[in-house]
PDB file of N, CA and C in Angstrom:
ATOM      1  N   UNK A   1     107.392 103.989 110.835  1.00  0.00           N
ATOM      2  CA  UNK A   1     107.310 103.452 109.490  1.00  0.00           C
ATOM      3  C   UNK A   1     108.477 102.487 109.280  1.00  0.00           C
ATOM      4  N   UNK A   2     108.254 101.318 108.717  1.00  0.00           N
ATOM      5  CA  UNK A   2     109.294 100.305 108.629  1.00  0.00           C
ATOM      6  C   UNK A   2     110.293 100.481 107.495  1.00  0.00           C
ATOM      7  N   UNK A   3     110.070 101.419 106.609  1.00  0.00           N
ATOM      8  CA  UNK A   3     110.947 101.536 105.448  1.00  0.00           C
ATOM      9  C   UNK A   3     112.186 102.355 105.767  1.00  0.00           C
ATOM     10  N   UNK A   4     113.257 102.098 105.004  1.00  0.00           N
ATOM     11  CA  UNK A   4     114.474 102.894 105.129  1.00  0.00           C
ATOM     12  C   UNK A   4     114.603 103.767 103.880  1.00  0.00           C
ATOM     13  N   UNK A   5     115.545 104.669 103.896  1.00  0.00           N
ATOM     14  CA  UNK A   5     115.814 105.459 102.702  1.00  0.00           C
ATOM     15  C   UNK A   5     116.279 104.498 101.608  1.00  0.00           C
ATOM     16  N   UNK A   6     115.605 104.476 100.450  1.00  0.00           N
ATOM     17  CA  UNK A   6     116.007 103.543  99.390  1.00  0.00           C
ATOM     18  C   UNK A   6     117.470 103.747  99.003  1.00  0.00           C
ATOM     19  N   UNK A   7     118.172 102.619  98.816  1.00  0.00           N
ATOM     20  CA  UNK A   7     119.580 102.686  98.444  1.00  0.00           C
ATOM     21  C   UNK A   7     119.939 101.482  97.583  1.00  0.00           C
ATOM     22  N   UNK A   8     120.988 101.631  96.818  1.00  0.00           N
ATOM     23  CA  UNK A   8     121.478 100.538  95.981  1.00  0.00           C
ATOM     24  C   UNK A   8     121.984  99.408  96.856  1.00  0.00           C
ATOM     25  N   UNK A   9     122.049  98.241  96.288  1.00  0.00           N
ATOM     26  CA  UNK A   9     122.581  97.093  97.022  1.00  0.00           C
ATOM     27  C   UNK A   9     124.011  97.352  97.439  1.00  0.00           C
ATOM     28  N   UNK A  10     124.328  96.920  98.649  1.00  0.00           N
ATOM     29  CA  UNK A  10     125.702  97.016  99.128  1.00  0.00           C
ATOM     30  C   UNK A  10     126.221  95.604  99.359  1.00  0.00           C
ATOM     31  N   UNK A  11     127.312  95.275  98.763  1.00  0.00           N
ATOM     32  CA  UNK A  11     127.879  93.948  98.931  1.00  0.00           C
ATOM     33  C   UNK A  11     127.382  92.962  97.889  1.00  0.00           C
ATOM     34  N   UNK A  12     128.030  91.840  97.852  1.00  0.00           N
ATOM     35  CA  UNK A  12     127.721  90.810  96.863  1.00  0.00           C
ATOM     36  C   UNK A  12     126.418  90.105  97.210  1.00  0.00           C
ATOM     37  N   UNK A  13     125.569  89.939  96.223  1.00  0.00           N
ATOM     38  CA  UNK A  13     124.289  89.280  96.450  1.00  0.00           C
ATOM     39  C   UNK A  13     124.444  87.784  96.686  1.00  0.00           C
ATOM     40  N   UNK A  14     125.616  87.227  96.423  1.00  0.00           N
ATOM     41  CA  UNK A  14     125.822  85.792  96.660  1.00  0.00           C
ATOM     42  C   UNK A  14     125.775  85.453  98.147  1.00  0.00           C
ATOM     43  N   UNK A  15     125.887  86.453  99.010  1.00  0.00           N
ATOM     44  CA  UNK A  15     125.821  86.224 100.451  1.00  0.00           C
ATOM     45  C   UNK A  15     124.400  86.335 100.997  1.00  0.00           C
ATOM     46  N   UNK A  16     123.413  86.480 100.119  1.00  0.00           N
ATOM     47  CA  UNK A  16     122.020  86.644 100.514  1.00  0.00           C
ATOM     48  C   UNK A  16     121.163  85.539  99.908  1.00  0.00           C
ATOM     49  N   UNK A  17     120.154  85.114 100.670  1.00  0.00           N
ATOM     50  CA  UNK A  17     119.197  84.111 100.218  1.00  0.00           C
ATOM     51  C   UNK A  17     117.805  84.722 100.247  1.00  0.00           C
ATOM     52  N   UNK A  18     117.050  84.546  99.167  1.00  0.00           N
ATOM     53  CA  UNK A  18     115.669  85.027  99.136  1.00  0.00           C
ATOM     54  C   UNK A  18     114.802  84.061  99.928  1.00  0.00           C
ATOM     55  N   UNK A  19     114.055  84.606 100.907  1.00  0.00           N
ATOM     56  CA  UNK A  19     113.203  83.755 101.738  1.00  0.00           C
ATOM     57  C   UNK A  19     111.711  83.975 101.475  1.00  0.00           C
ATOM     58  N   UNK A  20     111.351  85.136 100.935  1.00  0.00           N
ATOM     59  CA  UNK A  20     109.971  85.429 100.536  1.00  0.00           C
ATOM     60  C   UNK A  20     110.066  86.289  99.283  1.00  0.00           C
ATOM     61  N   UNK A  21     109.153  86.063  98.321  1.00  0.00           N
ATOM     62  CA  UNK A  21     109.153  86.957  97.164  1.00  0.00           C
ATOM     63  C   UNK A  21     107.768  87.073  96.564  1.00  0.00           C
ATOM     64  N   UNK A  22     107.567  88.194  95.897  1.00  0.00           N
ATOM     65  CA  UNK A  22     106.350  88.456  95.141  1.00  0.00           C
ATOM     66  C   UNK A  22     106.785  88.954  93.769  1.00  0.00           C
ATOM     67  N   UNK A  23     105.827  89.410  92.998  1.00  0.00           N
ATOM     68  CA  UNK A  23     106.133  89.908  91.658  1.00  0.00           C
ATOM     69  C   UNK A  23     107.093  91.100  91.700  1.00  0.00           C
ATOM     70  N   UNK A  24     106.973  91.950  92.704  1.00  0.00           N
ATOM     71  CA  UNK A  24     107.742  93.203  92.743  1.00  0.00           C
ATOM     72  C   UNK A  24     108.781  93.299  93.861  1.00  0.00           C
ATOM     73  N   UNK A  25     108.620  92.504  94.910  1.00  0.00           N
ATOM     74  CA  UNK A  25     109.480  92.630  96.084  1.00  0.00           C
ATOM     75  C   UNK A  25     110.046  91.276  96.488  1.00  0.00           C
ATOM     76  N   UNK A  26     111.155  91.322  97.241  1.00  0.00           N
ATOM     77  CA  UNK A  26     111.675  90.089  97.824  1.00  0.00           C
ATOM     78  C   UNK A  26     112.332  90.376  99.166  1.00  0.00           C
ATOM     79  N   UNK A  27     112.204  89.422 100.080  1.00  0.00           N
ATOM     80  CA  UNK A  27     112.859  89.483 101.380  1.00  0.00           C
ATOM     81  C   UNK A  27     114.074  88.577 101.306  1.00  0.00           C
ATOM     82  N   UNK A  28     115.203  89.101 101.763  1.00  0.00           N
ATOM     83  CA  UNK A  28     116.432  88.309 101.757  1.00  0.00           C
ATOM     84  C   UNK A  28     117.023  88.241 103.155  1.00  0.00           C
ATOM     85  N   UNK A  29     117.698  87.122 103.409  1.00  0.00           N
ATOM     86  CA  UNK A  29     118.396  86.899 104.669  1.00  0.00           C
ATOM     87  C   UNK A  29     119.882  86.725 104.362  1.00  0.00           C
ATOM     88  N   UNK A  30     120.720  87.348 105.174  1.00  0.00           N
ATOM     89  CA  UNK A  30     122.164  87.217 104.979  1.00  0.00           C
ATOM     90  C   UNK A  30     122.583  85.815 105.380  1.00  0.00           C
ATOM     91  N   UNK A  31     123.378  85.154 104.543  1.00  0.00           N
ATOM     92  CA  UNK A  31     123.768  83.755 104.777  1.00  0.00           C
ATOM     93  C   UNK A  31     124.729  83.587 105.948  1.00  0.00           C
ATOM     94  N   UNK A  32     125.589  84.555 106.180  1.00  0.00           N
ATOM     95  CA  UNK A  32     126.609  84.404 107.216  1.00  0.00           C
ATOM     96  C   UNK A  32     126.101  84.902 108.561  1.00  0.00           C
ATOM     97  N   UNK A  33     125.712  86.180 108.624  1.00  0.00           N
ATOM     98  CA  UNK A  33     125.193  86.751 109.859  1.00  0.00           C
ATOM     99  C   UNK A  33     126.209  86.673 110.992  1.00  0.00           C
ATOM    100  N   UNK A  34     125.714  86.735 112.209  1.00  0.00           N
ATOM    101  CA  UNK A  34     126.557  86.606 113.385  1.00  0.00           C
ATOM    102  C   UNK A  34     127.619  87.684 113.480  1.00  0.00           C
ATOM    103  N   UNK A  35     128.718  87.381 114.152  1.00  0.00           N
ATOM    104  CA  UNK A  35     129.758  88.383 114.392  1.00  0.00           C
ATOM    105  C   UNK A  35     130.535  88.783 113.140  1.00  0.00           C
ATOM    106  N   UNK A  36     130.346  88.053 112.043  1.00  0.00           N
ATOM    107  CA  UNK A  36     131.076  88.361 110.815  1.00  0.00           C
ATOM    108  C   UNK A  36     130.345  89.367 109.943  1.00  0.00           C
ATOM    109  N   UNK A  37     129.108  89.696 110.293  1.00  0.00           N
ATOM    110  CA  UNK A  37     128.302  90.600 109.486  1.00  0.00           C
ATOM    111  C   UNK A  37     127.910  91.800 110.330  1.00  0.00           C
ATOM    112  N   UNK A  38     128.159  93.017 109.838  1.00  0.00           N
ATOM    113  CA  UNK A  38     127.924  94.209 110.644  1.00  0.00           C
ATOM    114  C   UNK A  38     126.656  94.954 110.265  1.00  0.00           C
ATOM    115  N   UNK A  39     125.975  94.567 109.197  1.00  0.00           N
ATOM    116  CA  UNK A  39     124.729  95.208 108.800  1.00  0.00           C
ATOM    117  C   UNK A  39     123.524  94.448 109.327  1.00  0.00           C
ATOM    118  N   UNK A  40     122.360  94.873 108.905  1.00  0.00           N
ATOM    119  CA  UNK A  40     121.135  94.178 109.274  1.00  0.00           C
ATOM    120  C   UNK A  40     121.075  92.858 108.499  1.00  0.00           C
ATOM    121  N   UNK A  41     120.696  91.762 109.138  1.00  0.00           N
ATOM    122  CA  UNK A  41     120.695  90.469 108.456  1.00  0.00           C
ATOM    123  C   UNK A  41     119.481  90.202 107.560  1.00  0.00           C
ATOM    124  N   UNK A  42     118.507  91.095 107.560  1.00  0.00           N
ATOM    125  CA  UNK A  42     117.323  90.943 106.709  1.00  0.00           C
ATOM    126  C   UNK A  42     117.088  92.231 105.939  1.00  0.00           C
ATOM    127  N   UNK A  43     116.583  92.083 104.704  1.00  0.00           N
ATOM    128  CA  UNK A  43     116.288  93.262 103.888  1.00  0.00           C
ATOM    129  C   UNK A  43     115.159  92.943 102.911  1.00  0.00           C
ATOM    130  N   UNK A  44     114.467  94.012 102.480  1.00  0.00           N
ATOM    131  CA  UNK A  44     113.448  93.903 101.442  1.00  0.00           C
ATOM    132  C   UNK A  44     113.939  94.703 100.252  1.00  0.00           C
ATOM    133  N   UNK A  45     113.867  94.064  99.070  1.00  0.00           N
ATOM    134  CA  UNK A  45     114.320  94.696  97.835  1.00  0.00           C
ATOM    135  C   UNK A  45     113.154  94.938  96.897  1.00  0.00           C
ATOM    136  N   UNK A  46     113.249  96.017  96.142  1.00  0.00           N
ATOM    137  CA  UNK A  46     112.403  96.227  94.979  1.00  0.00           C
ATOM    138  C   UNK A  46     113.099  95.441  93.872  1.00  0.00           C
ATOM    139  N   UNK A  47     112.471  94.372  93.406  1.00  0.00           N
ATOM    140  CA  UNK A  47     113.158  93.379  92.569  1.00  0.00           C
ATOM    141  C   UNK A  47     113.788  93.920  91.287  1.00  0.00           C
ATOM    142  N   UNK A  48     113.048  94.608  90.468  1.00  0.00           N
ATOM    143  CA  UNK A  48     113.568  95.009  89.165  1.00  0.00           C
ATOM    144  C   UNK A  48     114.723  95.988  89.248  1.00  0.00           C
ATOM    145  N   UNK A  49     114.723  96.846  90.244  1.00  0.00           N
ATOM    146  CA  UNK A  49     115.795  97.837  90.345  1.00  0.00           C
ATOM    147  C   UNK A  49     116.876  97.423  91.333  1.00  0.00           C
ATOM    148  N   UNK A  50     116.616  96.352  92.114  1.00  0.00           N
ATOM    149  CA  UNK A  50     117.580  95.885  93.114  1.00  0.00           C
ATOM    150  C   UNK A  50     117.916  96.976  94.122  1.00  0.00           C
ATOM    151  N   UNK A  51     116.873  97.685  94.554  1.00  0.00           N
ATOM    152  CA  UNK A  51     117.005  98.745  95.546  1.00  0.00           C
ATOM    153  C   UNK A  51     116.509  98.226  96.889  1.00  0.00           C
ATOM    154  N   UNK A  52     117.275  98.449  97.960  1.00  0.00           N
ATOM    155  CA  UNK A  52     116.868  98.076  99.309  1.00  0.00           C
ATOM    156  C   UNK A  52     115.864  99.119  99.805  1.00  0.00           C
ATOM    157  N   UNK A  53     114.689  98.658 100.259  1.00  0.00           N
ATOM    158  CA  UNK A  53     113.680  99.592 100.765  1.00  0.00           C
ATOM    159  C   UNK A  53     113.396  99.407 102.253  1.00  0.00           C
ATOM    160  N   UNK A  54     113.872  98.297 102.845  1.00  0.00           N
ATOM    161  CA  UNK A  54     113.691  98.074 104.284  1.00  0.00           C
ATOM    162  C   UNK A  54     114.767  97.116 104.774  1.00  0.00           C
ATOM    163  N   UNK A  55     115.168  97.295 106.027  1.00  0.00           N
ATOM    164  CA  UNK A  55     116.104  96.377 106.672  1.00  0.00           C
ATOM    165  C   UNK A  55     115.600  96.098 108.079  1.00  0.00           C
ATOM    166  N   UNK A  56     116.039  94.981 108.657  1.00  0.00           N
ATOM    167  CA  UNK A  56     115.612  94.637 110.015  1.00  0.00           C
ATOM    168  C   UNK A  56     116.633  93.719 110.678  1.00  0.00           C
ATOM    169  N   UNK A  57     116.709  93.787 112.006  1.00  0.00           N
ATOM    170  CA  UNK A  57     117.650  92.939 112.732  1.00  0.00           C
ATOM    171  C   UNK A  57     117.129  91.522 113.003  1.00  0.00           C
ATOM    172  N   UNK A  58     115.801  91.324 112.897  1.00  0.00           N
ATOM    173  CA  UNK A  58     115.231  90.006 113.201  1.00  0.00           C
ATOM    174  C   UNK A  58     114.231  89.593 112.126  1.00  0.00           C
ATOM    175  N   UNK A  59     114.000  88.286 112.050  1.00  0.00           N
ATOM    176  CA  UNK A  59     113.039  87.768 111.079  1.00  0.00           C
ATOM    177  C   UNK A  59     111.608  88.230 111.393  1.00  0.00           C
ATOM    178  N   UNK A  60     111.151  88.201 112.658  1.00  0.00           N
ATOM    179  CA  UNK A  60     109.793  88.702 112.931  1.00  0.00           C
ATOM    180  C   UNK A  60     109.609  90.170 112.535  1.00  0.00           C
ATOM    181  N   UNK A  61     110.647  90.969 112.708  1.00  0.00           N
ATOM    182  CA  UNK A  61     110.544  92.389 112.346  1.00  0.00           C
ATOM    183  C   UNK A  61     110.462  92.570 110.822  1.00  0.00           C
ATOM    184  N   UNK A  62     111.260  91.825 110.067  1.00  0.00           N
ATOM    185  CA  UNK A  62     111.200  91.959 108.608  1.00  0.00           C
ATOM    186  C   UNK A  62     109.877  91.410 108.084  1.00  0.00           C
ATOM    187  N   UNK A  63     109.307  90.414 108.758  1.00  0.00           N
ATOM    188  CA  UNK A  63     108.004  89.895 108.356  1.00  0.00           C
ATOM    189  C   UNK A  63     106.915  90.947 108.549  1.00  0.00           C
ATOM    190  N   UNK A  64     107.005  91.737 109.637  1.00  0.00           N
ATOM    191  CA  UNK A  64     106.064  92.851 109.828  1.00  0.00           C
ATOM    192  C   UNK A  64     106.250  93.893 108.738  1.00  0.00           C
ATOM    193  N   UNK A  65     107.496  94.178 108.395  1.00  0.00           N
ATOM    194  CA  UNK A  65     107.782  95.135 107.321  1.00  0.00           C
ATOM    195  C   UNK A  65     107.239  94.622 105.985  1.00  0.00           C
ATOM    196  N   UNK A  66     107.374  93.319 105.744  1.00  0.00           N
ATOM    197  CA  UNK A  66     106.877  92.700 104.524  1.00  0.00           C
ATOM    198  C   UNK A  66     105.359  92.903 104.407  1.00  0.00           C
ATOM    199  N   UNK A  67     104.660  92.651 105.488  1.00  0.00           N
ATOM    200  CA  UNK A  67     103.202  92.841 105.487  1.00  0.00           C
ATOM    201  C   UNK A  67     102.864  94.292 105.162  1.00  0.00           C
ATOM    202  N   UNK A  68     103.578  95.231 105.768  1.00  0.00           N
ATOM    203  CA  UNK A  68     103.356  96.645 105.492  1.00  0.00           C
ATOM    204  C   UNK A  68     103.575  96.958 104.007  1.00  0.00           C
ATOM    205  N   UNK A  69     104.670  96.471 103.451  1.00  0.00           N
ATOM    206  CA  UNK A  69     104.988  96.731 102.042  1.00  0.00           C
ATOM    207  C   UNK A  69     103.912  96.144 101.131  1.00  0.00           C
ATOM    208  N   UNK A  70     103.536  94.904 101.376  1.00  0.00           N
ATOM    209  CA  UNK A  70     102.521  94.251 100.539  1.00  0.00           C
ATOM    210  C   UNK A  70     101.183  94.970 100.643  1.00  0.00           C
ATOM    211  N   UNK A  71     100.768  95.347 101.842  1.00  0.00           N
ATOM    212  CA  UNK A  71      99.481  96.021 102.028  1.00  0.00           C
ATOM    213  C   UNK A  71      99.457  97.423 101.419  1.00  0.00           C
ATOM    214  N   UNK A  72     100.587  98.105 101.407  1.00  0.00           N
ATOM    215  CA  UNK A  72     100.603  99.502 100.981  1.00  0.00           C
ATOM    216  C   UNK A  72     101.147  99.761  99.584  1.00  0.00           C
ATOM    217  N   UNK A  73     101.944  98.839  99.049  1.00  0.00           N
ATOM    218  CA  UNK A  73     102.586  99.103  97.763  1.00  0.00           C
ATOM    219  C   UNK A  73     102.369  98.043  96.699  1.00  0.00           C
ATOM    220  N   UNK A  74     101.935  96.857  97.076  1.00  0.00           N
ATOM    221  CA  UNK A  74     101.853  95.777  96.102  1.00  0.00           C
ATOM    222  C   UNK A  74     100.882  96.076  94.972  1.00  0.00           C
ATOM    223  N   UNK A  75      99.712  96.624  95.275  1.00  0.00           N
ATOM    224  CA  UNK A  75      98.729  96.871  94.203  1.00  0.00           C
ATOM    225  C   UNK A  75      99.252  97.909  93.199  1.00  0.00           C
ATOM    226  N   UNK A  76      99.959  98.914  93.670  1.00  0.00           N
ATOM    227  CA  UNK A  76     100.534  99.933  92.789  1.00  0.00           C
ATOM    228  C   UNK A  76     101.642  99.311  91.936  1.00  0.00           C
ATOM    229  N   UNK A  77     102.488  98.539  92.568  1.00  0.00           N
ATOM    230  CA  UNK A  77     103.605  97.925  91.850  1.00  0.00           C
ATOM    231  C   UNK A  77     103.128  96.902  90.820  1.00  0.00           C
ATOM    232  N   UNK A  78     102.200  96.037  91.200  1.00  0.00           N
ATOM    233  CA  UNK A  78     101.758  94.999  90.293  1.00  0.00           C
ATOM    234  C   UNK A  78     100.985  95.591  89.101  1.00  0.00           C
ATOM    235  N   UNK A  79     100.280  96.699  89.316  1.00  0.00           N
ATOM    236  CA  UNK A  79      99.574  97.379  88.226  1.00  0.00           C
ATOM    237  C   UNK A  79     100.572  98.018  87.266  1.00  0.00           C
ATOM    238  N   UNK A  80     101.617  98.636  87.818  1.00  0.00           N
ATOM    239  CA  UNK A  80     102.625  99.303  86.981  1.00  0.00           C
ATOM    240  C   UNK A  80     103.466  98.287  86.216  1.00  0.00           C
ATOM    241  N   UNK A  81     103.613  97.076  86.756  1.00  0.00           N
ATOM    242  CA  UNK A  81     104.451  96.066  86.119  1.00  0.00           C
ATOM    243  C   UNK A  81     103.776  95.438  84.893  1.00  0.00           C
ATOM    244  N   UNK A  82     102.464  95.577  84.787  1.00  0.00           N
ATOM    245  CA  UNK A  82     101.736  94.946  83.663  1.00  0.00           C
ATOM    246  C   UNK A  82     101.883  95.750  82.406  1.00  0.00           C
TER     247      UNK A  82
END
């Protein structure tokens, strides 16, 4: 399963760029990355609560996680948001 234990944001959001987003979720990429960053460079957030629900070391992996999240949770989230 691609999800991680939900947790609050760690670190300043100014170091992250949103690369994909929907009504309820967003994928972010760490701006610095490389040897200066020790966490996963990609993450998926639940937008309104700013909770991290998935992380990944590569863009293809986070894209697979994104598809999983959209296919399994988007209809529930978008219905609850209305």
